[in-house]
Amino acid sequence: MGDTSVAADFGDSVLPPQGRIRGGMNDRQRVFFDWALDTLLYLVVLGFFSEYTSGVNVDSFSTIFFASLVLYALTYATFGLKRHVGAWFRSRPGGPHRIAHGLSVWAILFFSKFVFLEVLDLAFGDAVEFASFVWLMIVLVVVVVLRRVLDLITSVSVTRLNRKVERDRRTAAHLLPGPMS
């Protein structure tokens, strides 16, 4: 059976791979999978935060859905920029480049959240409101943590199911009669 290991490499993704079992997918399928799952995660998290906290206020479900798409697009762009800048610094030898790499990645990840807030404000106005910068950070951290948990659950489940299928095939092979002589 092909490579079904938990540590299979699935290429670049917005959120770092944590043993995603998607080895049989091509690049377009992976991008679609990431966009669909991560948009749904943003949708659920924004919905819960809007419903149960005073830090996030979104007018309607439709607005939550479109805000989720915008947030994921911004996240995708931010991590793409981070990867691009990181690759540039990693290609340069020396300690100062390592320090500059760390500082630039931190700056990209930190300051991008202000861009997120401004884009949300321009796109949705008062329909999407975060009480402060901290609430946006909390939403983003919760999405990343949930994605990691989902990846872990998926990896463990698929690995166990693959083992069971292999075990069942071996058992079935022993039960089948041999070739007729």
N, C-alpha and C. Protein backbone atom coordinates (compact mmCIF):
# COMPACT_ATOMS: atom_id res chain seq x y z
N MET A 1 0.86 -1.18 0.00
CA MET A 1 0.00 0.00 0.00
C MET A 1 0.88 1.22 0.00
N GLY A 2 0.70 2.27 -0.64
CA GLY A 2 1.57 3.44 -0.74
C GLY A 2 1.99 3.96 0.61
N ASP A 3 2.57 5.11 0.57
CA ASP A 3 3.07 5.74 1.78
C ASP A 3 1.91 6.30 2.60
N THR A 4 1.66 5.71 3.74
CA THR A 4 0.60 6.18 4.62
C THR A 4 1.16 6.58 5.97
N SER A 5 2.47 6.84 6.02
CA SER A 5 3.09 7.18 7.29
C SER A 5 2.63 8.53 7.77
N VAL A 6 2.64 8.69 9.07
CA VAL A 6 2.21 9.94 9.69
C VAL A 6 3.14 11.07 9.30
N ALA A 7 4.38 10.77 9.03
CA ALA A 7 5.35 11.82 8.75
C ALA A 7 5.47 12.14 7.27
N ALA A 8 4.52 11.70 6.46
CA ALA A 8 4.60 11.98 5.03
C ALA A 8 4.61 13.48 4.77
N ASP A 9 5.36 13.90 3.76
CA ASP A 9 5.49 15.32 3.45
C ASP A 9 4.41 15.71 2.47
N PHE A 10 3.70 16.78 2.78
CA PHE A 10 2.61 17.21 1.92
C PHE A 10 2.85 18.57 1.32
N GLY A 11 4.08 19.00 1.23
CA GLY A 11 4.38 20.27 0.60
C GLY A 11 4.03 21.44 1.49
N ASP A 12 4.14 22.62 0.91
CA ASP A 12 3.85 23.83 1.66
C ASP A 12 2.36 24.00 1.85
N SER A 13 2.02 24.38 3.02
CA SER A 13 0.65 24.65 3.37
C SER A 13 0.67 25.86 4.29
N VAL A 14 -0.42 26.53 4.39
CA VAL A 14 -0.43 27.73 5.23
C VAL A 14 -0.11 27.39 6.66
N LEU A 15 -0.81 26.44 7.20
CA LEU A 15 -0.51 26.02 8.56
C LEU A 15 0.48 24.88 8.48
N PRO A 16 1.50 24.88 9.32
CA PRO A 16 2.54 23.86 9.21
C PRO A 16 1.97 22.46 9.29
N PRO A 17 2.44 21.55 8.42
CA PRO A 17 1.91 20.19 8.45
C PRO A 17 2.25 19.50 9.75
N GLN A 18 1.31 18.83 10.30
CA GLN A 18 1.50 18.10 11.54
C GLN A 18 1.09 16.66 11.26
N GLY A 19 1.74 16.04 10.30
CA GLY A 19 1.43 14.64 9.99
C GLY A 19 0.14 14.48 9.23
N ARG A 20 -0.17 15.39 8.32
CA ARG A 20 -1.41 15.28 7.57
C ARG A 20 -1.36 14.07 6.65
N ILE A 21 -2.41 13.29 6.65
CA ILE A 21 -2.50 12.13 5.79
C ILE A 21 -3.20 12.56 4.51
N ARG A 22 -2.42 13.06 3.56
CA ARG A 22 -2.97 13.50 2.29
C ARG A 22 -2.00 13.17 1.18
N GLY A 23 -1.24 12.11 1.33
CA GLY A 23 -0.20 11.79 0.38
C GLY A 23 -0.68 11.49 -1.01
N GLY A 24 -1.93 11.07 -1.18
CA GLY A 24 -2.44 10.74 -2.50
C GLY A 24 -3.01 11.92 -3.25
N MET A 25 -2.93 13.13 -2.69
CA MET A 25 -3.51 14.30 -3.33
C MET A 25 -2.48 15.04 -4.18
N ASN A 26 -2.96 15.62 -5.28
CA ASN A 26 -2.07 16.48 -6.05
C ASN A 26 -2.10 17.88 -5.44
N ASP A 27 -1.30 18.79 -5.99
CA ASP A 27 -1.18 20.13 -5.40
C ASP A 27 -2.50 20.88 -5.37
N ARG A 28 -3.26 20.83 -6.43
CA ARG A 28 -4.54 21.54 -6.46
C ARG A 28 -5.52 20.98 -5.44
N GLN A 29 -5.53 19.66 -5.29
CA GLN A 29 -6.41 19.05 -4.30
C GLN A 29 -6.00 19.45 -2.88
N ARG A 30 -4.69 19.52 -2.64
CA ARG A 30 -4.20 19.95 -1.32
C ARG A 30 -4.59 21.38 -1.02
N VAL A 31 -4.45 22.26 -2.01
CA VAL A 31 -4.83 23.66 -1.81
C VAL A 31 -6.33 23.75 -1.51
N PHE A 32 -7.14 23.03 -2.28
CA PHE A 32 -8.58 23.04 -2.04
C PHE A 32 -8.89 22.50 -0.64
N PHE A 33 -8.26 21.40 -0.26
CA PHE A 33 -8.47 20.81 1.06
C PHE A 33 -8.12 21.81 2.16
N ASP A 34 -6.97 22.47 2.04
CA ASP A 34 -6.55 23.46 3.03
C ASP A 34 -7.54 24.62 3.11
N TRP A 35 -7.93 25.15 1.94
CA TRP A 35 -8.86 26.28 1.93
C TRP A 35 -10.19 25.87 2.55
N ALA A 36 -10.71 24.72 2.18
CA ALA A 36 -12.01 24.29 2.70
C ALA A 36 -11.95 24.07 4.21
N LEU A 37 -10.99 23.28 4.67
CA LEU A 37 -10.91 22.97 6.10
C LEU A 37 -10.60 24.21 6.93
N ASP A 38 -9.64 25.00 6.50
CA ASP A 38 -9.26 26.17 7.31
C ASP A 38 -10.34 27.25 7.29
N THR A 39 -11.05 27.39 6.18
CA THR A 39 -12.17 28.34 6.15
C THR A 39 -13.26 27.87 7.11
N LEU A 40 -13.52 26.58 7.13
CA LEU A 40 -14.51 26.06 8.08
C LEU A 40 -14.06 26.26 9.53
N LEU A 41 -12.78 26.09 9.78
CA LEU A 41 -12.28 26.34 11.13
C LEU A 41 -12.47 27.80 11.52
N TYR A 42 -12.11 28.73 10.64
CA TYR A 42 -12.34 30.15 10.92
C TYR A 42 -13.83 30.41 11.12
N LEU A 43 -14.67 29.78 10.32
CA LEU A 43 -16.11 29.95 10.43
C LEU A 43 -16.61 29.54 11.82
N VAL A 44 -16.20 28.37 12.26
CA VAL A 44 -16.63 27.86 13.56
C VAL A 44 -16.09 28.74 14.69
N VAL A 45 -14.81 29.05 14.63
CA VAL A 45 -14.19 29.84 15.70
C VAL A 45 -14.80 31.24 15.76
N LEU A 46 -14.93 31.91 14.61
CA LEU A 46 -15.55 33.23 14.61
C LEU A 46 -16.98 33.18 15.12
N GLY A 47 -17.70 32.14 14.70
CA GLY A 47 -19.09 31.98 15.15
C GLY A 47 -19.18 31.84 16.66
N PHE A 48 -18.36 30.97 17.22
CA PHE A 48 -18.38 30.78 18.67
C PHE A 48 -17.94 32.04 19.41
N PHE A 49 -16.87 32.67 18.94
CA PHE A 49 -16.40 33.88 19.61
C PHE A 49 -17.44 35.00 19.52
N SER A 50 -18.11 35.10 18.38
CA SER A 50 -19.14 36.12 18.23
C SER A 50 -20.33 35.84 19.14
N GLU A 51 -20.66 34.57 19.27
CA GLU A 51 -21.81 34.17 20.08
C GLU A 51 -21.55 34.25 21.58
N TYR A 52 -20.36 33.85 22.01
CA TYR A 52 -20.12 33.64 23.44
C TYR A 52 -19.14 34.61 24.09
N THR A 53 -18.58 35.58 23.34
CA THR A 53 -17.68 36.55 23.96
C THR A 53 -18.10 37.96 23.55
N SER A 54 -17.57 38.90 24.28
CA SER A 54 -17.83 40.30 23.92
C SER A 54 -16.67 40.87 23.10
N GLY A 55 -15.65 40.06 22.85
CA GLY A 55 -14.46 40.53 22.13
C GLY A 55 -14.59 40.49 20.63
N VAL A 56 -15.52 39.69 20.12
CA VAL A 56 -15.74 39.58 18.68
C VAL A 56 -17.23 39.75 18.43
N ASN A 57 -17.56 40.62 17.49
CA ASN A 57 -18.95 40.86 17.17
C ASN A 57 -19.12 40.81 15.65
N VAL A 58 -19.92 39.86 15.19
CA VAL A 58 -20.20 39.72 13.76
C VAL A 58 -21.71 39.71 13.59
N ASP A 59 -22.20 40.47 12.60
CA ASP A 59 -23.64 40.68 12.44
C ASP A 59 -24.42 39.43 12.05
N SER A 60 -23.93 38.64 11.11
CA SER A 60 -24.73 37.53 10.61
C SER A 60 -23.83 36.36 10.22
N PHE A 61 -24.48 35.22 9.99
CA PHE A 61 -23.74 34.04 9.57
C PHE A 61 -23.06 34.25 8.23
N SER A 62 -23.75 34.90 7.31
CA SER A 62 -23.16 35.18 5.99
C SER A 62 -21.90 36.02 6.14
N THR A 63 -21.95 37.00 7.01
CA THR A 63 -20.78 37.84 7.24
C THR A 63 -19.66 37.03 7.85
N ILE A 64 -19.99 36.13 8.77
CA ILE A 64 -18.97 35.25 9.37
C ILE A 64 -18.32 34.41 8.28
N PHE A 65 -19.13 33.88 7.36
CA PHE A 65 -18.59 33.04 6.29
C PHE A 65 -17.62 33.83 5.41
N PHE A 66 -18.03 35.00 4.97
CA PHE A 66 -17.15 35.79 4.10
C PHE A 66 -15.93 36.31 4.85
N ALA A 67 -16.10 36.65 6.12
CA ALA A 67 -14.95 37.06 6.93
C ALA A 67 -13.97 35.90 7.09
N SER A 68 -14.49 34.69 7.19
CA SER A 68 -13.64 33.50 7.29
C SER A 68 -12.80 33.33 6.03
N LEU A 69 -13.42 33.54 4.87
CA LEU A 69 -12.68 33.46 3.62
C LEU A 69 -11.58 34.52 3.56
N VAL A 70 -11.92 35.73 3.96
CA VAL A 70 -10.94 36.82 3.95
C VAL A 70 -9.81 36.53 4.93
N LEU A 71 -10.14 36.07 6.13
CA LEU A 71 -9.11 35.76 7.12
C LEU A 71 -8.19 34.66 6.63
N TYR A 72 -8.75 33.64 5.99
CA TYR A 72 -7.89 32.58 5.51
C TYR A 72 -7.01 33.07 4.35
N ALA A 73 -7.57 33.89 3.47
CA ALA A 73 -6.76 34.45 2.37
C ALA A 73 -5.60 35.27 2.93
N LEU A 74 -5.87 36.06 3.95
CA LEU A 74 -4.82 36.86 4.58
C LEU A 74 -3.79 35.97 5.28
N THR A 75 -4.27 34.93 5.93
CA THR A 75 -3.36 33.98 6.59
C THR A 75 -2.46 33.30 5.55
N TYR A 76 -3.06 32.88 4.45
CA TYR A 76 -2.34 32.22 3.36
C TYR A 76 -1.24 33.15 2.82
N ALA A 77 -1.61 34.41 2.58
CA ALA A 77 -0.64 35.38 2.07
C ALA A 77 0.47 35.65 3.08
N THR A 78 0.11 35.75 4.35
CA THR A 78 1.11 36.01 5.40
C THR A 78 2.11 34.88 5.50
N PHE A 79 1.63 33.65 5.52
CA PHE A 79 2.55 32.52 5.63
C PHE A 79 3.37 32.35 4.35
N GLY A 80 2.80 32.70 3.20
CA GLY A 80 3.57 32.68 1.96
C GLY A 80 4.71 33.68 1.99
N LEU A 81 4.42 34.89 2.48
CA LEU A 81 5.46 35.91 2.62
C LEU A 81 6.52 35.46 3.63
N LYS A 82 6.08 34.87 4.72
CA LYS A 82 7.01 34.38 5.74
C LYS A 82 7.94 33.32 5.15
N ARG A 83 7.39 32.39 4.37
CA ARG A 83 8.20 31.34 3.74
C ARG A 83 9.20 31.95 2.75
N HIS A 84 8.74 32.91 1.97
CA HIS A 84 9.59 33.55 0.96
C HIS A 84 10.75 34.29 1.63
N VAL A 85 10.46 35.09 2.62
CA VAL A 85 11.50 35.84 3.34
C VAL A 85 12.43 34.87 4.07
N GLY A 86 11.85 33.85 4.69
CA GLY A 86 12.66 32.85 5.40
C GLY A 86 13.62 32.13 4.48
N ALA A 87 13.15 31.78 3.28
CA ALA A 87 14.03 31.10 2.32
C ALA A 87 15.17 32.02 1.89
N TRP A 88 14.88 33.31 1.71
CA TRP A 88 15.92 34.25 1.32
C TRP A 88 17.00 34.33 2.39
N PHE A 89 16.59 34.44 3.66
CA PHE A 89 17.58 34.54 4.73
C PHE A 89 18.31 33.22 4.95
N ARG A 90 17.62 32.09 4.80
CA ARG A 90 18.29 30.79 4.98
C ARG A 90 19.34 30.54 3.90
N SER A 91 19.20 31.17 2.74
CA SER A 91 20.17 30.97 1.68
C SER A 91 21.44 31.79 1.91
N ARG A 92 21.44 32.64 2.90
CA ARG A 92 22.59 33.47 3.25
C ARG A 92 23.29 32.90 4.48
N PRO A 93 24.61 32.73 4.42
CA PRO A 93 25.32 32.19 5.58
C PRO A 93 25.58 33.26 6.63
N GLY A 94 25.83 32.81 7.84
CA GLY A 94 26.29 33.73 8.88
C GLY A 94 25.25 34.02 9.95
N GLY A 95 25.77 34.38 11.11
CA GLY A 95 24.95 34.68 12.27
C GLY A 95 24.03 35.87 12.09
N PRO A 96 24.51 36.98 11.51
CA PRO A 96 23.62 38.14 11.35
C PRO A 96 22.37 37.82 10.51
N HIS A 97 22.53 36.95 9.50
CA HIS A 97 21.38 36.57 8.69
C HIS A 97 20.39 35.73 9.50
N ARG A 98 20.91 34.92 10.41
CA ARG A 98 20.02 34.12 11.26
C ARG A 98 19.21 35.03 12.17
N ILE A 99 19.86 36.02 12.74
CA ILE A 99 19.16 36.97 13.61
C ILE A 99 18.14 37.77 12.80
N ALA A 100 18.56 38.25 11.62
CA ALA A 100 17.65 39.00 10.76
C ALA A 100 16.47 38.13 10.31
N HIS A 101 16.73 36.86 10.08
CA HIS A 101 15.66 35.93 9.71
C HIS A 101 14.62 35.86 10.81
N GLY A 102 15.06 35.63 12.03
CA GLY A 102 14.14 35.54 13.16
C GLY A 102 13.35 36.82 13.36
N LEU A 103 14.03 37.96 13.29
CA LEU A 103 13.35 39.24 13.48
C LEU A 103 12.36 39.54 12.35
N SER A 104 12.75 39.21 11.13
CA SER A 104 11.84 39.49 10.01
C SER A 104 10.61 38.60 10.05
N VAL A 105 10.78 37.34 10.39
CA VAL A 105 9.62 36.45 10.50
C VAL A 105 8.70 36.93 11.61
N TRP A 106 9.27 37.30 12.74
CA TRP A 106 8.45 37.82 13.85
C TRP A 106 7.70 39.06 13.40
N ALA A 107 8.39 39.99 12.73
CA ALA A 107 7.76 41.23 12.29
C ALA A 107 6.62 40.95 11.30
N ILE A 108 6.84 40.04 10.38
CA ILE A 108 5.79 39.69 9.41
C ILE A 108 4.57 39.14 10.14
N LEU A 109 4.79 38.19 11.04
CA LEU A 109 3.67 37.57 11.74
C LEU A 109 2.96 38.55 12.66
N PHE A 110 3.70 39.43 13.32
CA PHE A 110 3.10 40.38 14.25
C PHE A 110 2.35 41.49 13.51
N PHE A 111 3.03 42.16 12.61
CA PHE A 111 2.42 43.32 11.95
C PHE A 111 1.33 42.94 10.95
N SER A 112 1.34 41.71 10.49
CA SER A 112 0.29 41.29 9.56
C SER A 112 -1.09 41.34 10.23
N LYS A 113 -1.14 41.20 11.53
CA LYS A 113 -2.42 41.23 12.23
C LYS A 113 -3.07 42.60 12.13
N PHE A 114 -2.26 43.65 12.07
CA PHE A 114 -2.82 44.99 11.88
C PHE A 114 -3.39 45.12 10.47
N VAL A 115 -2.74 44.48 9.51
CA VAL A 115 -3.27 44.44 8.14
C VAL A 115 -4.60 43.68 8.15
N PHE A 116 -4.66 42.57 8.87
CA PHE A 116 -5.89 41.79 8.99
C PHE A 116 -7.03 42.70 9.47
N LEU A 117 -6.77 43.42 10.57
CA LEU A 117 -7.81 44.28 11.14
C LEU A 117 -8.26 45.35 10.15
N GLU A 118 -7.32 45.94 9.44
CA GLU A 118 -7.66 46.99 8.49
C GLU A 118 -8.45 46.44 7.30
N VAL A 119 -8.03 45.30 6.79
CA VAL A 119 -8.75 44.69 5.66
C VAL A 119 -10.17 44.31 6.08
N LEU A 120 -10.31 43.72 7.27
CA LEU A 120 -11.65 43.39 7.76
C LEU A 120 -12.50 44.64 7.91
N ASP A 121 -11.90 45.71 8.41
CA ASP A 121 -12.64 46.96 8.57
C ASP A 121 -13.05 47.52 7.21
N LEU A 122 -12.15 47.50 6.24
CA LEU A 122 -12.48 48.01 4.90
C LEU A 122 -13.54 47.14 4.21
N ALA A 123 -13.43 45.83 4.37
CA ALA A 123 -14.35 44.91 3.68
C ALA A 123 -15.73 44.84 4.34
N PHE A 124 -15.76 44.89 5.66
CA PHE A 124 -17.02 44.64 6.36
C PHE A 124 -17.51 45.80 7.24
N GLY A 125 -16.67 46.79 7.46
CA GLY A 125 -17.08 47.92 8.29
C GLY A 125 -17.46 47.49 9.69
N ASP A 126 -18.62 47.95 10.13
CA ASP A 126 -19.09 47.62 11.49
C ASP A 126 -19.69 46.23 11.60
N ALA A 127 -19.82 45.51 10.48
CA ALA A 127 -20.41 44.16 10.52
C ALA A 127 -19.48 43.16 11.18
N VAL A 128 -18.16 43.42 11.18
CA VAL A 128 -17.18 42.57 11.86
C VAL A 128 -16.33 43.48 12.74
N GLU A 129 -16.40 43.23 14.03
CA GLU A 129 -15.64 44.07 14.97
C GLU A 129 -14.90 43.20 15.98
N PHE A 130 -13.63 43.51 16.17
CA PHE A 130 -12.83 42.91 17.22
C PHE A 130 -12.63 44.00 18.28
N ALA A 131 -12.84 43.66 19.54
CA ALA A 131 -12.72 44.65 20.61
C ALA A 131 -11.30 45.21 20.68
N SER A 132 -10.33 44.37 20.35
CA SER A 132 -8.94 44.82 20.35
C SER A 132 -8.11 43.87 19.49
N PHE A 133 -6.87 44.26 19.31
CA PHE A 133 -5.89 43.45 18.59
C PHE A 133 -5.75 42.07 19.24
N VAL A 134 -5.84 42.04 20.56
CA VAL A 134 -5.67 40.80 21.31
C VAL A 134 -6.73 39.78 20.92
N TRP A 135 -7.97 40.22 20.68
CA TRP A 135 -9.03 39.28 20.31
C TRP A 135 -8.75 38.63 18.96
N LEU A 136 -8.21 39.39 18.03
CA LEU A 136 -7.82 38.80 16.75
C LEU A 136 -6.73 37.77 16.96
N MET A 137 -5.75 38.08 17.78
CA MET A 137 -4.66 37.13 18.07
C MET A 137 -5.22 35.85 18.70
N ILE A 138 -6.16 35.99 19.62
CA ILE A 138 -6.76 34.82 20.26
C ILE A 138 -7.47 33.95 19.22
N VAL A 139 -8.24 34.58 18.33
CA VAL A 139 -8.94 33.83 17.28
C VAL A 139 -7.94 33.08 16.41
N LEU A 140 -6.88 33.74 15.99
CA LEU A 140 -5.89 33.11 15.13
C LEU A 140 -5.17 31.95 15.83
N VAL A 141 -4.83 32.14 17.09
CA VAL A 141 -4.17 31.07 17.85
C VAL A 141 -5.10 29.88 18.02
N VAL A 142 -6.37 30.13 18.31
CA VAL A 142 -7.33 29.04 18.46
C VAL A 142 -7.47 28.27 17.15
N VAL A 143 -7.51 28.97 16.02
CA VAL A 143 -7.61 28.29 14.72
C VAL A 143 -6.39 27.42 14.49
N VAL A 144 -5.20 27.95 14.76
CA VAL A 144 -3.97 27.17 14.55
C VAL A 144 -3.94 25.94 15.45
N VAL A 145 -4.31 26.11 16.71
CA VAL A 145 -4.31 24.97 17.65
C VAL A 145 -5.34 23.93 17.22
N LEU A 146 -6.53 24.37 16.85
CA LEU A 146 -7.54 23.41 16.38
C LEU A 146 -7.08 22.68 15.14
N ARG A 147 -6.40 23.36 14.23
CA ARG A 147 -5.91 22.69 13.03
C ARG A 147 -4.89 21.62 13.39
N ARG A 148 -4.01 21.95 14.33
CA ARG A 148 -3.03 20.95 14.78
C ARG A 148 -3.73 19.74 15.40
N VAL A 149 -4.73 19.99 16.22
CA VAL A 149 -5.47 18.89 16.85
C VAL A 149 -6.17 18.05 15.79
N LEU A 150 -6.82 18.69 14.82
CA LEU A 150 -7.48 17.95 13.74
C LEU A 150 -6.48 17.13 12.93
N ASP A 151 -5.31 17.70 12.66
CA ASP A 151 -4.28 16.96 11.93
C ASP A 151 -3.82 15.73 12.71
N LEU A 152 -3.65 15.90 14.00
CA LEU A 152 -3.22 14.78 14.84
C LEU A 152 -4.29 13.69 14.87
N ILE A 153 -5.53 14.08 15.09
CA ILE A 153 -6.63 13.10 15.12
C ILE A 153 -6.73 12.38 13.78
N THR A 154 -6.65 13.13 12.70
CA THR A 154 -6.73 12.52 11.37
C THR A 154 -5.57 11.56 11.13
N SER A 155 -4.37 11.99 11.49
CA SER A 155 -3.20 11.15 11.30
C SER A 155 -3.31 9.84 12.06
N VAL A 156 -3.66 9.93 13.32
CA VAL A 156 -3.77 8.73 14.16
C VAL A 156 -4.89 7.83 13.63
N SER A 157 -6.04 8.42 13.30
CA SER A 157 -7.17 7.62 12.82
C SER A 157 -6.85 6.91 11.52
N VAL A 158 -6.29 7.63 10.56
CA VAL A 158 -5.99 7.03 9.26
C VAL A 158 -4.90 5.97 9.40
N THR A 159 -3.89 6.23 10.22
CA THR A 159 -2.83 5.25 10.43
C THR A 159 -3.41 3.97 11.04
N ARG A 160 -4.26 4.11 12.03
CA ARG A 160 -4.88 2.92 12.65
C ARG A 160 -5.78 2.19 11.68
N LEU A 161 -6.55 2.93 10.89
CA LEU A 161 -7.41 2.28 9.91
C LEU A 161 -6.59 1.54 8.85
N ASN A 162 -5.48 2.13 8.41
CA ASN A 162 -4.63 1.46 7.44
C ASN A 162 -4.03 0.18 8.01
N ARG A 163 -3.63 0.23 9.28
CA ARG A 163 -3.10 -0.99 9.92
C ARG A 163 -4.17 -2.07 9.98
N LYS A 164 -5.40 -1.67 10.31
CA LYS A 164 -6.49 -2.64 10.39
C LYS A 164 -6.76 -3.24 9.02
N VAL A 165 -6.76 -2.44 7.97
CA VAL A 165 -6.99 -2.94 6.62
C VAL A 165 -5.90 -3.94 6.24
N GLU A 166 -4.64 -3.61 6.53
CA GLU A 166 -3.53 -4.53 6.24
C GLU A 166 -3.69 -5.83 7.03
N ARG A 167 -4.06 -5.73 8.29
CA ARG A 167 -4.25 -6.91 9.13
C ARG A 167 -5.38 -7.77 8.57
N ASP A 168 -6.48 -7.13 8.16
CA ASP A 168 -7.61 -7.87 7.60
C ASP A 168 -7.23 -8.54 6.28
N ARG A 169 -6.42 -7.87 5.46
CA ARG A 169 -5.97 -8.47 4.20
C ARG A 169 -5.11 -9.70 4.45
N ARG A 170 -4.20 -9.61 5.42
CA ARG A 170 -3.35 -10.76 5.73
C ARG A 170 -4.19 -11.92 6.24
N THR A 171 -5.18 -11.60 7.10
CA THR A 171 -6.05 -12.65 7.64
C THR A 171 -6.86 -13.27 6.51
N ALA A 172 -7.39 -12.46 5.62
CA ALA A 172 -8.19 -12.97 4.50
C ALA A 172 -7.32 -13.81 3.57
N ALA A 173 -6.06 -13.44 3.38
CA ALA A 173 -5.17 -14.21 2.50
C ALA A 173 -4.93 -15.60 3.05
N HIS A 174 -4.85 -15.73 4.37
CA HIS A 174 -4.64 -17.05 4.98
C HIS A 174 -5.90 -17.90 4.90
N LEU A 175 -7.06 -17.29 4.86
CA LEU A 175 -8.30 -18.04 4.83
C LEU A 175 -8.68 -18.51 3.44
N LEU A 176 -8.15 -17.84 2.42
CA LEU A 176 -8.49 -18.22 1.06
C LEU A 176 -7.78 -19.53 0.69
N PRO A 177 -8.48 -20.38 -0.04
CA PRO A 177 -7.82 -21.63 -0.46
C PRO A 177 -6.70 -21.32 -1.45
N GLY A 178 -5.71 -22.14 -1.44
CA GLY A 178 -4.59 -21.98 -2.36
C GLY A 178 -4.98 -22.34 -3.77
N PRO A 179 -4.03 -22.29 -4.69
CA PRO A 179 -4.34 -22.62 -6.07
C PRO A 179 -4.72 -24.10 -6.19
N MET A 180 -5.66 -24.38 -7.05
CA MET A 180 -6.13 -25.75 -7.23
C MET A 180 -5.11 -26.54 -8.01
N SER A 181 -4.82 -27.74 -7.53
CA SER A 181 -3.87 -28.59 -8.23
C SER A 181 -4.56 -29.74 -8.87
